[in-house]
Amino acid sequence: MFQLALGLAAAAVVAAVMGGAAGLSTLTGAVVIAAAQFVFAWRTELRSRTAPAALQFGRLLLGTVLKWGVIGAGLVLAMTQGLVPAYVLGGAVVATLAQLFSLPWLLR
């Protein structure tokens, strides 16, 4: 949620300064990263926590592969469909930094 909120705020600022296409591109980049994080959480954290280690490790690997697949496919599609590539990547960076700064171990 923090990724989407910060991505929306960044998109609003970019839209006000650079225009609507740049703002939409920024928002799209942030949404791709947030969707990838959701896919990773769906495969790892939203499952039963009481499972054998091999099953948990498989979930972790599959979640990681799916996450990077969503990031790769989403960013490529966004940048090739008429959106401004630099702003798509900027939105992705904003969402990634939001995720890094909201990690619990960084807040201690």
PDB file of N, CA and C in Angstrom:
ATOM      1  N   MET A   1       0.823  -1.189   0.000  1.00  0.00           N
ATOM      2  CA  MET A   1       0.000   0.000   0.000  1.00  0.00           C
ATOM      3  C   MET A   1       0.870   1.257   0.000  1.00  0.00           C
ATOM      4  N   PHE A   2       1.965   1.194   0.759  1.00  0.00           N
ATOM      5  CA  PHE A   2       2.861   2.347   0.820  1.00  0.00           C
ATOM      6  C   PHE A   2       3.477   2.623  -0.546  1.00  0.00           C
ATOM      7  N   GLN A   3       3.776   1.548  -1.285  1.00  0.00           N
ATOM      8  CA  GLN A   3       4.323   1.718  -2.634  1.00  0.00           C
ATOM      9  C   GLN A   3       3.329   2.428  -3.541  1.00  0.00           C
ATOM     10  N   LEU A   4       2.086   2.003  -3.489  1.00  0.00           N
ATOM     11  CA  LEU A   4       1.071   2.637  -4.324  1.00  0.00           C
ATOM     12  C   LEU A   4       0.820   4.081  -3.915  1.00  0.00           C
ATOM     13  N   ALA A   5       0.797   4.339  -2.614  1.00  0.00           N
ATOM     14  CA  ALA A   5       0.569   5.707  -2.140  1.00  0.00           C
ATOM     15  C   ALA A   5       1.700   6.631  -2.566  1.00  0.00           C
ATOM     16  N   LEU A   6       2.926   6.181  -2.394  1.00  0.00           N
ATOM     17  CA  LEU A   6       4.058   7.014  -2.789  1.00  0.00           C
ATOM     18  C   LEU A   6       4.139   7.145  -4.309  1.00  0.00           C
ATOM     19  N   GLY A   7       3.796   6.074  -5.025  1.00  0.00           N
ATOM     20  CA  GLY A   7       3.756   6.148  -6.486  1.00  0.00           C
ATOM     21  C   GLY A   7       2.703   7.120  -6.976  1.00  0.00           C
ATOM     22  N   LEU A   8       1.546   7.126  -6.329  1.00  0.00           N
ATOM     23  CA  LEU A   8       0.493   8.072  -6.692  1.00  0.00           C
ATOM     24  C   LEU A   8       0.907   9.509  -6.397  1.00  0.00           C
ATOM     25  N   ALA A   9       1.570   9.707  -5.262  1.00  0.00           N
ATOM     26  CA  ALA A   9       2.049  11.053  -4.932  1.00  0.00           C
ATOM     27  C   ALA A   9       3.107  11.513  -5.932  1.00  0.00           C
ATOM     28  N   ALA A  10       4.024  10.631  -6.281  1.00  0.00           N
ATOM     29  CA  ALA A  10       5.056  10.982  -7.263  1.00  0.00           C
ATOM     30  C   ALA A  10       4.434  11.253  -8.625  1.00  0.00           C
ATOM     31  N   ALA A  11       3.433  10.455  -9.003  1.00  0.00           N
ATOM     32  CA  ALA A  11       2.759  10.666 -10.285  1.00  0.00           C
ATOM     33  C   ALA A  11       2.025  11.998 -10.309  1.00  0.00           C
ATOM     34  N   ALA A  12       1.434  12.392  -9.194  1.00  0.00           N
ATOM     35  CA  ALA A  12       0.738  13.678  -9.129  1.00  0.00           C
ATOM     36  C   ALA A  12       1.720  14.836  -9.282  1.00  0.00           C
ATOM     37  N   VAL A  13       2.876  14.718  -8.631  1.00  0.00           N
ATOM     38  CA  VAL A  13       3.884  15.770  -8.746  1.00  0.00           C
ATOM     39  C   VAL A  13       4.418  15.840 -10.174  1.00  0.00           C
ATOM     40  N   VAL A  14       4.719  14.679 -10.750  1.00  0.00           N
ATOM     41  CA  VAL A  14       5.241  14.651 -12.123  1.00  0.00           C
ATOM     42  C   VAL A  14       4.188  15.155 -13.105  1.00  0.00           C
ATOM     43  N   ALA A  15       2.929  14.792 -12.896  1.00  0.00           N
ATOM     44  CA  ALA A  15       1.866  15.262 -13.787  1.00  0.00           C
ATOM     45  C   ALA A  15       1.703  16.773 -13.704  1.00  0.00           C
ATOM     46  N   ALA A  16       1.851  17.321 -12.512  1.00  0.00           N
ATOM     47  CA  ALA A  16       1.724  18.768 -12.355  1.00  0.00           C
ATOM     48  C   ALA A  16       2.880  19.510 -13.017  1.00  0.00           C
ATOM     49  N   VAL A  17       4.056  18.915 -12.985  1.00  0.00           N
ATOM     50  CA  VAL A  17       5.235  19.585 -13.519  1.00  0.00           C
ATOM     51  C   VAL A  17       5.443  19.286 -15.001  1.00  0.00           C
ATOM     52  N   MET A  18       5.337  18.010 -15.386  1.00  0.00           N
ATOM     53  CA  MET A  18       5.707  17.592 -16.741  1.00  0.00           C
ATOM     54  C   MET A  18       4.523  17.273 -17.649  1.00  0.00           C
ATOM     55  N   GLY A  19       3.345  17.069 -17.088  1.00  0.00           N
ATOM     56  CA  GLY A  19       2.183  16.769 -17.913  1.00  0.00           C
ATOM     57  C   GLY A  19       1.585  15.407 -17.606  1.00  0.00           C
ATOM     58  N   GLY A  20       0.426  15.167 -18.191  1.00  0.00           N
ATOM     59  CA  GLY A  20      -0.339  13.961 -17.894  1.00  0.00           C
ATOM     60  C   GLY A  20       0.314  12.669 -18.349  1.00  0.00           C
ATOM     61  N   ALA A  21       0.957  12.670 -19.518  1.00  0.00           N
ATOM     62  CA  ALA A  21       1.589  11.439 -20.019  1.00  0.00           C
ATOM     63  C   ALA A  21       2.732  10.997 -19.116  1.00  0.00           C
ATOM     64  N   ALA A  22       3.512  11.954 -18.650  1.00  0.00           N
ATOM     65  CA  ALA A  22       4.614  11.624 -17.747  1.00  0.00           C
ATOM     66  C   ALA A  22       4.081  11.130 -16.402  1.00  0.00           C
ATOM     67  N   GLY A  23       3.014  11.739 -15.914  1.00  0.00           N
ATOM     68  CA  GLY A  23       2.415  11.290 -14.652  1.00  0.00           C
ATOM     69  C   GLY A  23       1.836   9.898 -14.753  1.00  0.00           C
ATOM     70  N   LEU A  24       1.155   9.603 -15.869  1.00  0.00           N
ATOM     71  CA  LEU A  24       0.614   8.258 -16.075  1.00  0.00           C
ATOM     72  C   LEU A  24       1.730   7.231 -16.196  1.00  0.00           C
ATOM     73  N   SER A  25       2.824   7.608 -16.834  1.00  0.00           N
ATOM     74  CA  SER A  25       3.965   6.711 -16.962  1.00  0.00           C
ATOM     75  C   SER A  25       4.573   6.410 -15.594  1.00  0.00           C
ATOM     76  N   THR A  26       4.701   7.428 -14.764  1.00  0.00           N
ATOM     77  CA  THR A  26       5.240   7.244 -13.416  1.00  0.00           C
ATOM     78  C   THR A  26       4.339   6.333 -12.594  1.00  0.00           C
ATOM     79  N   LEU A  27       3.047   6.554 -12.662  1.00  0.00           N
ATOM     80  CA  LEU A  27       2.103   5.722 -11.924  1.00  0.00           C
ATOM     81  C   LEU A  27       2.147   4.278 -12.414  1.00  0.00           C
ATOM     82  N   THR A  28       2.277   4.082 -13.712  1.00  0.00           N
ATOM     83  CA  THR A  28       2.334   2.732 -14.268  1.00  0.00           C
ATOM     84  C   THR A  28       3.561   1.975 -13.755  1.00  0.00           C
ATOM     85  N   GLY A  29       4.704   2.636 -13.712  1.00  0.00           N
ATOM     86  CA  GLY A  29       5.904   1.998 -13.179  1.00  0.00           C
ATOM     87  C   GLY A  29       5.745   1.585 -11.730  1.00  0.00           C
ATOM     88  N   ALA A  30       5.121   2.442 -10.932  1.00  0.00           N
ATOM     89  CA  ALA A  30       4.903   2.123  -9.523  1.00  0.00           C
ATOM     90  C   ALA A  30       3.909   0.977  -9.359  1.00  0.00           C
ATOM     91  N   VAL A  31       2.880   0.946 -10.194  1.00  0.00           N
ATOM     92  CA  VAL A  31       1.878  -0.122 -10.118  1.00  0.00           C
ATOM     93  C   VAL A  31       2.490  -1.466 -10.500  1.00  0.00           C
ATOM     94  N   VAL A  32       3.387  -1.476 -11.470  1.00  0.00           N
ATOM     95  CA  VAL A  32       4.046  -2.732 -11.860  1.00  0.00           C
ATOM     96  C   VAL A  32       4.842  -3.299 -10.693  1.00  0.00           C
ATOM     97  N   ILE A  33       5.592  -2.469 -10.013  1.00  0.00           N
ATOM     98  CA  ILE A  33       6.395  -2.944  -8.877  1.00  0.00           C
ATOM     99  C   ILE A  33       5.489  -3.397  -7.734  1.00  0.00           C
ATOM    100  N   ALA A  34       4.430  -2.662  -7.449  1.00  0.00           N
ATOM    101  CA  ALA A  34       3.502  -3.061  -6.386  1.00  0.00           C
ATOM    102  C   ALA A  34       2.805  -4.371  -6.730  1.00  0.00           C
ATOM    103  N   ALA A  35       2.438  -4.567  -7.989  1.00  0.00           N
ATOM    104  CA  ALA A  35       1.814  -5.825  -8.405  1.00  0.00           C
ATOM    105  C   ALA A  35       2.787  -6.985  -8.272  1.00  0.00           C
ATOM    106  N   ALA A  36       4.052  -6.747  -8.598  1.00  0.00           N
ATOM    107  CA  ALA A  36       5.060  -7.799  -8.458  1.00  0.00           C
ATOM    108  C   ALA A  36       5.248  -8.176  -6.990  1.00  0.00           C
ATOM    109  N   GLN A  37       5.242  -7.191  -6.118  1.00  0.00           N
ATOM    110  CA  GLN A  37       5.351  -7.484  -4.680  1.00  0.00           C
ATOM    111  C   GLN A  37       4.137  -8.255  -4.181  1.00  0.00           C
ATOM    112  N   PHE A  38       2.963  -7.937  -4.709  1.00  0.00           N
ATOM    113  CA  PHE A  38       1.770  -8.674  -4.322  1.00  0.00           C
ATOM    114  C   PHE A  38       1.861 -10.132  -4.770  1.00  0.00           C
ATOM    115  N   VAL A  39       2.340 -10.371  -5.972  1.00  0.00           N
ATOM    116  CA  VAL A  39       2.490 -11.745  -6.468  1.00  0.00           C
ATOM    117  C   VAL A  39       3.471 -12.507  -5.588  1.00  0.00           C
ATOM    118  N   PHE A  40       4.569 -11.871  -5.213  1.00  0.00           N
ATOM    119  CA  PHE A  40       5.547 -12.521  -4.337  1.00  0.00           C
ATOM    120  C   PHE A  40       4.922 -12.845  -2.978  1.00  0.00           C
ATOM    121  N   ALA A  41       4.187 -11.889  -2.411  1.00  0.00           N
ATOM    122  CA  ALA A  41       3.541 -12.128  -1.115  1.00  0.00           C
ATOM    123  C   ALA A  41       2.481 -13.209  -1.221  1.00  0.00           C
ATOM    124  N   TRP A  42       1.766 -13.242  -2.325  1.00  0.00           N
ATOM    125  CA  TRP A  42       0.739 -14.259  -2.525  1.00  0.00           C
ATOM    126  C   TRP A  42       1.350 -15.655  -2.532  1.00  0.00           C
ATOM    127  N   ARG A  43       2.513 -15.817  -3.135  1.00  0.00           N
ATOM    128  CA  ARG A  43       3.148 -17.128  -3.216  1.00  0.00           C
ATOM    129  C   ARG A  43       3.875 -17.499  -1.934  1.00  0.00           C
ATOM    130  N   THR A  44       4.281 -16.543  -1.120  1.00  0.00           N
ATOM    131  CA  THR A  44       5.083 -16.872   0.052  1.00  0.00           C
ATOM    132  C   THR A  44       4.348 -16.626   1.362  1.00  0.00           C
ATOM    133  N   GLU A  45       3.922 -15.415   1.617  1.00  0.00           N
ATOM    134  CA  GLU A  45       3.374 -15.055   2.915  1.00  0.00           C
ATOM    135  C   GLU A  45       1.901 -15.386   3.094  1.00  0.00           C
ATOM    136  N   LEU A  46       1.139 -15.429   2.039  1.00  0.00           N
ATOM    137  CA  LEU A  46      -0.290 -15.662   2.167  1.00  0.00           C
ATOM    138  C   LEU A  46      -0.652 -17.138   2.142  1.00  0.00           C
ATOM    139  N   ARG A  47       0.306 -17.977   2.337  1.00  0.00           N
ATOM    140  CA  ARG A  47       0.091 -19.421   2.427  1.00  0.00           C
ATOM    141  C   ARG A  47       0.290 -19.862   3.868  1.00  0.00           C
ATOM    142  N   SER A  48      -0.005 -21.128   4.134  1.00  0.00           N
ATOM    143  CA  SER A  48       0.167 -21.669   5.476  1.00  0.00           C
ATOM    144  C   SER A  48       1.634 -21.580   5.886  1.00  0.00           C
ATOM    145  N   ARG A  49       1.866 -21.102   7.074  1.00  0.00           N
ATOM    146  CA  ARG A  49       3.245 -20.976   7.564  1.00  0.00           C
ATOM    147  C   ARG A  49       3.772 -22.283   8.136  1.00  0.00           C
ATOM    148  N   THR A  50       2.899 -23.212   8.390  1.00  0.00           N
ATOM    149  CA  THR A  50       3.338 -24.498   8.906  1.00  0.00           C
ATOM    150  C   THR A  50       3.414 -25.489   7.753  1.00  0.00           C
ATOM    151  N   ALA A  51       4.573 -25.551   7.153  1.00  0.00           N
ATOM    152  CA  ALA A  51       4.811 -26.438   6.021  1.00  0.00           C
ATOM    153  C   ALA A  51       6.263 -26.907   6.102  1.00  0.00           C
ATOM    154  N   PRO A  52       6.561 -28.026   5.477  1.00  0.00           N
ATOM    155  CA  PRO A  52       7.948 -28.492   5.470  1.00  0.00           C
ATOM    156  C   PRO A  52       8.880 -27.470   4.807  1.00  0.00           C
ATOM    157  N   ALA A  53      10.136 -27.538   5.190  1.00  0.00           N
ATOM    158  CA  ALA A  53      11.109 -26.566   4.685  1.00  0.00           C
ATOM    159  C   ALA A  53      11.235 -26.631   3.165  1.00  0.00           C
ATOM    160  N   ALA A  54      11.182 -27.814   2.602  1.00  0.00           N
ATOM    161  CA  ALA A  54      11.308 -27.940   1.149  1.00  0.00           C
ATOM    162  C   ALA A  54      10.147 -27.242   0.439  1.00  0.00           C
ATOM    163  N   LEU A  55       8.956 -27.363   0.982  1.00  0.00           N
ATOM    164  CA  LEU A  55       7.798 -26.702   0.390  1.00  0.00           C
ATOM    165  C   LEU A  55       7.916 -25.183   0.520  1.00  0.00           C
ATOM    166  N   GLN A  56       8.342 -24.720   1.680  1.00  0.00           N
ATOM    167  CA  GLN A  56       8.516 -23.275   1.874  1.00  0.00           C
ATOM    168  C   GLN A  56       9.591 -22.717   0.946  1.00  0.00           C
ATOM    169  N   PHE A  57      10.681 -23.466   0.769  1.00  0.00           N
ATOM    170  CA  PHE A  57      11.745 -23.018  -0.123  1.00  0.00           C
ATOM    171  C   PHE A  57      11.251 -22.989  -1.565  1.00  0.00           C
ATOM    172  N   GLY A  58      10.458 -23.964  -1.947  1.00  0.00           N
ATOM    173  CA  GLY A  58       9.871 -23.966  -3.284  1.00  0.00           C
ATOM    174  C   GLY A  58       8.952 -22.775  -3.495  1.00  0.00           C
ATOM    175  N   ARG A  59       8.177 -22.436  -2.474  1.00  0.00           N
ATOM    176  CA  ARG A  59       7.311 -21.259  -2.568  1.00  0.00           C
ATOM    177  C   ARG A  59       8.136 -19.991  -2.721  1.00  0.00           C
ATOM    178  N   LEU A  60       9.244 -19.914  -1.984  1.00  0.00           N
ATOM    179  CA  LEU A  60      10.117 -18.755  -2.076  1.00  0.00           C
ATOM    180  C   LEU A  60      10.712 -18.626  -3.474  1.00  0.00           C
ATOM    181  N   LEU A  61      11.192 -19.730  -4.014  1.00  0.00           N
ATOM    182  CA  LEU A  61      11.767 -19.689  -5.363  1.00  0.00           C
ATOM    183  C   LEU A  61      10.717 -19.341  -6.412  1.00  0.00           C
ATOM    184  N   LEU A  62       9.558 -19.976  -6.339  1.00  0.00           N
ATOM    185  CA  LEU A  62       8.505 -19.689  -7.302  1.00  0.00           C
ATOM    186  C   LEU A  62       8.019 -18.249  -7.182  1.00  0.00           C
ATOM    187  N   GLY A  63       7.885 -17.765  -5.955  1.00  0.00           N
ATOM    188  CA  GLY A  63       7.480 -16.383  -5.751  1.00  0.00           C
ATOM    189  C   GLY A  63       8.484 -15.398  -6.330  1.00  0.00           C
ATOM    190  N   THR A  64       9.766 -15.699  -6.166  1.00  0.00           N
ATOM    191  CA  THR A  64      10.804 -14.828  -6.709  1.00  0.00           C
ATOM    192  C   THR A  64      10.781 -14.825  -8.233  1.00  0.00           C
ATOM    193  N   VAL A  65      10.641 -15.992  -8.833  1.00  0.00           N
ATOM    194  CA  VAL A  65      10.590 -16.081 -10.289  1.00  0.00           C
ATOM    195  C   VAL A  65       9.360 -15.347 -10.828  1.00  0.00           C
ATOM    196  N   LEU A  66       8.216 -15.550 -10.194  1.00  0.00           N
ATOM    197  CA  LEU A  66       7.005 -14.859 -10.640  1.00  0.00           C
ATOM    198  C   LEU A  66       7.116 -13.352 -10.468  1.00  0.00           C
ATOM    199  N   LYS A  67       7.706 -12.926  -9.361  1.00  0.00           N
ATOM    200  CA  LYS A  67       7.882 -11.491  -9.112  1.00  0.00           C
ATOM    201  C   LYS A  67       8.711 -10.848 -10.214  1.00  0.00           C
ATOM    202  N   TRP A  68       9.844 -11.445 -10.526  1.00  0.00           N
ATOM    203  CA  TRP A  68      10.695 -10.860 -11.558  1.00  0.00           C
ATOM    204  C   TRP A  68      10.086 -11.004 -12.942  1.00  0.00           C
ATOM    205  N   GLY A  69       9.279 -12.023 -13.146  1.00  0.00           N
ATOM    206  CA  GLY A  69       8.550 -12.138 -14.408  1.00  0.00           C
ATOM    207  C   GLY A  69       7.549 -11.020 -14.577  1.00  0.00           C
ATOM    208  N   VAL A  70       6.831 -10.701 -13.495  1.00  0.00           N
ATOM    209  CA  VAL A  70       5.872  -9.589 -13.540  1.00  0.00           C
ATOM    210  C   VAL A  70       6.597  -8.268 -13.760  1.00  0.00           C
ATOM    211  N   ILE A  71       7.720  -8.074 -13.083  1.00  0.00           N
ATOM    212  CA  ILE A  71       8.476  -6.832 -13.257  1.00  0.00           C
ATOM    213  C   ILE A  71       8.977  -6.714 -14.692  1.00  0.00           C
ATOM    214  N   GLY A  72       9.593  -7.758 -15.192  1.00  0.00           N
ATOM    215  CA  GLY A  72      10.131  -7.706 -16.550  1.00  0.00           C
ATOM    216  C   GLY A  72       9.046  -7.494 -17.586  1.00  0.00           C
ATOM    217  N   ALA A  73       8.006  -8.306 -17.536  1.00  0.00           N
ATOM    218  CA  ALA A  73       6.928  -8.191 -18.522  1.00  0.00           C
ATOM    219  C   ALA A  73       6.187  -6.865 -18.380  1.00  0.00           C
ATOM    220  N   GLY A  74       5.912  -6.459 -17.145  1.00  0.00           N
ATOM    221  CA  GLY A  74       5.173  -5.217 -16.932  1.00  0.00           C
ATOM    222  C   GLY A  74       5.925  -3.991 -17.404  1.00  0.00           C
ATOM    223  N   LEU A  75       7.215  -3.918 -17.092  1.00  0.00           N
ATOM    224  CA  LEU A  75       7.989  -2.753 -17.518  1.00  0.00           C
ATOM    225  C   LEU A  75       8.187  -2.730 -19.027  1.00  0.00           C
ATOM    226  N   VAL A  76       8.437  -3.892 -19.620  1.00  0.00           N
ATOM    227  CA  VAL A  76       8.596  -3.933 -21.078  1.00  0.00           C
ATOM    228  C   VAL A  76       7.298  -3.529 -21.766  1.00  0.00           C
ATOM    229  N   LEU A  77       6.188  -4.072 -21.308  1.00  0.00           N
ATOM    230  CA  LEU A  77       4.900  -3.701 -21.907  1.00  0.00           C
ATOM    231  C   LEU A  77       4.599  -2.219 -21.724  1.00  0.00           C
ATOM    232  N   ALA A  78       4.875  -1.696 -20.532  1.00  0.00           N
ATOM    233  CA  ALA A  78       4.588  -0.287 -20.278  1.00  0.00           C
ATOM    234  C   ALA A  78       5.445   0.622 -21.152  1.00  0.00           C
ATOM    235  N   MET A  79       6.704   0.256 -21.340  1.00  0.00           N
ATOM    236  CA  MET A  79       7.595   1.124 -22.104  1.00  0.00           C
ATOM    237  C   MET A  79       7.394   1.003 -23.604  1.00  0.00           C
ATOM    238  N   THR A  80       6.755  -0.053 -24.066  1.00  0.00           N
ATOM    239  CA  THR A  80       6.550  -0.217 -25.508  1.00  0.00           C
ATOM    240  C   THR A  80       5.141   0.156 -25.956  1.00  0.00           C
ATOM    241  N   GLN A  81       4.290   0.578 -25.057  1.00  0.00           N
ATOM    242  CA  GLN A  81       2.909   0.909 -25.407  1.00  0.00           C
ATOM    243  C   GLN A  81       2.646   2.413 -25.438  1.00  0.00           C
ATOM    244  N   GLY A  82       3.646   3.187 -25.692  1.00  0.00           N
ATOM    245  CA  GLY A  82       3.439   4.617 -25.853  1.00  0.00           C
ATOM    246  C   GLY A  82       3.670   5.451 -24.609  1.00  0.00           C
ATOM    247  N   LEU A  83       3.986   4.832 -23.496  1.00  0.00           N
ATOM    248  CA  LEU A  83       4.296   5.602 -22.297  1.00  0.00           C
ATOM    249  C   LEU A  83       5.752   6.049 -22.352  1.00  0.00           C
ATOM    250  N   VAL A  84       6.086   7.064 -21.589  1.00  0.00           N
ATOM    251  CA  VAL A  84       7.448   7.604 -21.581  1.00  0.00           C
ATOM    252  C   VAL A  84       8.344   6.674 -20.767  1.00  0.00           C
ATOM    253  N   PRO A  85       9.307   5.996 -21.413  1.00  0.00           N
ATOM    254  CA  PRO A  85      10.118   4.990 -20.710  1.00  0.00           C
ATOM    255  C   PRO A  85      10.871   5.517 -19.493  1.00  0.00           C
ATOM    256  N   ALA A  86      11.397   6.722 -19.578  1.00  0.00           N
ATOM    257  CA  ALA A  86      12.157   7.255 -18.444  1.00  0.00           C
ATOM    258  C   ALA A  86      11.262   7.430 -17.214  1.00  0.00           C
ATOM    259  N   TYR A  87      10.039   7.852 -17.423  1.00  0.00           N
ATOM    260  CA  TYR A  87       9.130   8.057 -16.291  1.00  0.00           C
ATOM    261  C   TYR A  87       8.569   6.734 -15.772  1.00  0.00           C
ATOM    262  N   VAL A  88       8.439   5.744 -16.644  1.00  0.00           N
ATOM    263  CA  VAL A  88       8.038   4.408 -16.185  1.00  0.00           C
ATOM    264  C   VAL A  88       9.106   3.860 -15.240  1.00  0.00           C
ATOM    265  N   LEU A  89      10.357   3.976 -15.643  1.00  0.00           N
ATOM    266  CA  LEU A  89      11.450   3.515 -14.782  1.00  0.00           C
ATOM    267  C   LEU A  89      11.545   4.357 -13.513  1.00  0.00           C
ATOM    268  N   GLY A  90      11.264   5.644 -13.621  1.00  0.00           N
ATOM    269  CA  GLY A  90      11.261   6.495 -12.426  1.00  0.00           C
ATOM    270  C   GLY A  90      10.201   6.072 -11.425  1.00  0.00           C
ATOM    271  N   GLY A  91       9.016   5.741 -11.911  1.00  0.00           N
ATOM    272  CA  GLY A  91       7.968   5.237 -11.021  1.00  0.00           C
ATOM    273  C   GLY A  91       8.348   3.910 -10.395  1.00  0.00           C
ATOM    274  N   ALA A  92       9.023   3.063 -11.159  1.00  0.00           N
ATOM    275  CA  ALA A  92       9.482   1.782 -10.617  1.00  0.00           C
ATOM    276  C   ALA A  92      10.526   2.007  -9.525  1.00  0.00           C
ATOM    277  N   VAL A  93      11.397   2.952  -9.722  1.00  0.00           N
ATOM    278  CA  VAL A  93      12.417   3.258  -8.706  1.00  0.00           C
ATOM    279  C   VAL A  93      11.762   3.818  -7.447  1.00  0.00           C
ATOM    280  N   VAL A  94      10.784   4.685  -7.608  1.00  0.00           N
ATOM    281  CA  VAL A  94      10.080   5.256  -6.443  1.00  0.00           C
ATOM    282  C   VAL A  94       9.407   4.149  -5.634  1.00  0.00           C
ATOM    283  N   ALA A  95       8.734   3.227  -6.317  1.00  0.00           N
ATOM    284  CA  ALA A  95       8.052   2.132  -5.610  1.00  0.00           C
ATOM    285  C   ALA A  95       9.050   1.182  -4.957  1.00  0.00           C
ATOM    286  N   THR A  96      10.163   0.936  -5.607  1.00  0.00           N
ATOM    287  CA  THR A  96      11.184   0.066  -5.021  1.00  0.00           C
ATOM    288  C   THR A  96      11.804   0.709  -3.788  1.00  0.00           C
ATOM    289  N   LEU A  97      12.087   1.995  -3.856  1.00  0.00           N
ATOM    290  CA  LEU A  97      12.621   2.692  -2.683  1.00  0.00           C
ATOM    291  C   LEU A  97      11.606   2.740  -1.549  1.00  0.00           C
ATOM    292  N   ALA A  98      10.330   2.879  -1.884  1.00  0.00           N
ATOM    293  CA  ALA A  98       9.293   2.859  -0.848  1.00  0.00           C
ATOM    294  C   ALA A  98       9.272   1.515  -0.139  1.00  0.00           C
ATOM    295  N   GLN A  99       9.432   0.443  -0.899  1.00  0.00           N
ATOM    296  CA  GLN A  99       9.454  -0.889  -0.295  1.00  0.00           C
ATOM    297  C   GLN A  99      10.687  -1.054   0.594  1.00  0.00           C
ATOM    298  N   LEU A 100      11.830  -0.568   0.141  1.00  0.00           N
ATOM    299  CA  LEU A 100      13.047  -0.682   0.946  1.00  0.00           C
ATOM    300  C   LEU A 100      12.950   0.114   2.238  1.00  0.00           C
ATOM    301  N   PHE A 101      12.395   1.325   2.143  1.00  0.00           N
ATOM    302  CA  PHE A 101      12.304   2.159   3.336  1.00  0.00           C
ATOM    303  C   PHE A 101      11.224   1.704   4.304  1.00  0.00           C
ATOM    304  N   SER A 102      10.316   0.873   3.864  1.00  0.00           N
ATOM    305  CA  SER A 102       9.266   0.408   4.770  1.00  0.00           C
ATOM    306  C   SER A 102       9.560  -0.967   5.358  1.00  0.00           C
ATOM    307  N   LEU A 103      10.736  -1.494   5.096  1.00  0.00           N
ATOM    308  CA  LEU A 103      11.102  -2.787   5.696  1.00  0.00           C
ATOM    309  C   LEU A 103      11.217  -2.627   7.222  1.00  0.00           C
ATOM    310  N   PRO A 104      10.706  -3.577   7.962  1.00  0.00           N
ATOM    311  CA  PRO A 104      10.723  -3.431   9.427  1.00  0.00           C
ATOM    312  C   PRO A 104      12.111  -3.288  10.014  1.00  0.00           C
ATOM    313  N   TRP A 105      13.107  -3.981   9.483  1.00  0.00           N
ATOM    314  CA  TRP A 105      14.434  -3.907  10.076  1.00  0.00           C
ATOM    315  C   TRP A 105      15.103  -2.563   9.822  1.00  0.00           C
ATOM    316  N   LEU A 106      14.633  -1.819   8.835  1.00  0.00           N
ATOM    317  CA  LEU A 106      15.179  -0.492   8.617  1.00  0.00           C
ATOM    318  C   LEU A 106      14.570   0.533   9.574  1.00  0.00           C
ATOM    319  N   LEU A 107      13.396   0.217  10.111  1.00  0.00           N
ATOM    320  CA  LEU A 107      12.715   1.161  10.986  1.00  0.00           C
ATOM    321  C   LEU A 107      13.180   1.093  12.435  1.00  0.00           C
ATOM    322  N   ARG A 108      13.996   0.119  12.742  1.00  0.00           N
ATOM    323  CA  ARG A 108      14.461  -0.020  14.132  1.00  0.00           C
ATOM    324  C   ARG A 108      15.570   0.913  14.464  1.00  0.00           C
TER     325      ARG A 108
END
